[in-house]
Amino acid sequence: MKIKLLTFGVINEIVENKQISNEQIKSTDDLLIILENKYPEIKNLNYKISVNRKLINGNTILNDNDEVAVLPPFAGG
């Protein structure tokens, strides 16, 4: 499965690969396990996940070519 990965802020500085291909990825939980194993420094960061531009809460099934964004905390002003 191929996932388009969008990262922002400090997460963008850590995560190098913006496209992930891995047959093991079936859900957002699978993707996060892979990312946190490859980039352990994001484990301690607070972030949100969106799939195809919709914020999610909890595990979400992914499909080929889904767009997943890893979003750092937002600050308004």
Protein backbone atom coordinates (compact mmCIF):
# COMPACT_ATOMS: atom_id res chain seq x y z
CA MET A 1 0.00 0.00 0.00
CA LYS A 2 1.24 3.49 -0.82
CA ILE A 3 0.43 6.41 1.50
CA LYS A 4 1.10 10.09 0.82
CA LEU A 5 2.45 11.55 4.06
CA LEU A 6 2.20 15.24 4.90
CA THR A 7 4.13 16.61 7.86
CA PHE A 8 4.29 20.08 9.37
CA GLY A 9 6.34 22.07 11.88
CA VAL A 10 8.86 20.19 14.00
CA ILE A 11 7.53 16.88 12.68
CA ASN A 12 8.47 17.95 9.16
CA GLU A 13 12.06 18.46 10.32
CA ILE A 14 12.20 14.90 11.72
CA VAL A 15 10.37 12.81 9.10
CA GLU A 16 12.31 12.55 5.85
CA ASN A 17 10.19 10.30 3.64
CA LYS A 18 7.00 11.89 2.35
CA GLN A 19 5.69 8.77 0.66
CA ILE A 20 5.48 5.45 2.41
CA SER A 21 5.05 2.12 0.67
CA ASN A 22 4.57 -0.82 2.95
CA GLU A 23 2.25 -3.79 2.64
CA GLN A 24 2.00 -3.95 6.44
CA ILE A 25 0.09 -0.65 6.61
CA LYS A 26 -3.62 -1.28 6.93
CA SER A 27 -4.57 1.48 9.38
CA THR A 28 -3.37 4.69 11.00
CA ASP A 29 -2.19 2.69 14.02
CA ASP A 30 0.03 0.59 11.71
CA LEU A 31 1.43 3.74 10.11
CA LEU A 32 2.17 5.37 13.47
CA ILE A 33 3.99 2.29 14.71
CA ILE A 34 6.19 2.34 11.60
CA LEU A 35 6.84 6.11 11.91
CA GLU A 36 7.61 5.97 15.63
CA ASN A 37 9.98 3.03 15.13
CA LYS A 38 11.81 4.80 12.30
CA TYR A 39 11.74 8.26 13.95
CA PRO A 40 11.67 7.62 17.73
CA GLU A 41 11.92 11.34 18.51
CA ILE A 42 8.26 11.83 17.47
CA LYS A 43 7.06 9.46 20.21
CA ASN A 44 7.24 12.25 22.77
CA LEU A 45 5.52 14.86 20.62
CA ASN A 46 1.87 15.75 20.84
CA TYR A 47 0.28 15.55 17.39
CA LYS A 48 -3.00 14.95 15.57
CA ILE A 49 -3.64 12.83 12.48
CA SER A 50 -5.85 13.60 9.52
CA VAL A 51 -6.80 11.23 6.71
CA ASN A 52 -7.81 12.80 3.42
CA ARG A 53 -8.11 16.20 5.15
CA LYS A 54 -10.38 15.02 7.97
CA LEU A 55 -9.11 14.96 11.56
CA ILE A 56 -9.51 11.54 13.10
CA ASN A 57 -9.82 10.27 16.63
CA GLY A 58 -8.61 6.74 17.00
CA ASN A 59 -7.58 4.08 14.54
CA THR A 60 -8.76 4.48 10.92
CA ILE A 61 -8.54 1.99 8.06
CA LEU A 62 -6.35 3.27 5.21
CA ASN A 63 -6.66 2.72 1.48
CA ASP A 64 -4.04 2.88 -1.25
CA ASN A 65 -3.05 6.50 -2.07
CA ASP A 66 -4.69 7.99 1.04
CA GLU A 67 -3.24 11.29 2.21
CA VAL A 68 -2.26 11.22 5.88
CA ALA A 69 -1.15 14.38 7.66
CA VAL A 70 0.77 14.41 10.93
CA LEU A 71 -0.07 17.75 12.54
CA PRO A 72 1.77 19.39 15.44
CA PRO A 73 -0.16 21.35 18.09
CA PHE A 74 -1.87 24.45 16.74
CA ALA A 75 -1.48 27.91 18.25
CA GLY A 76 -3.92 30.68 17.44
CA GLY A 77 -3.51 34.35 17.55
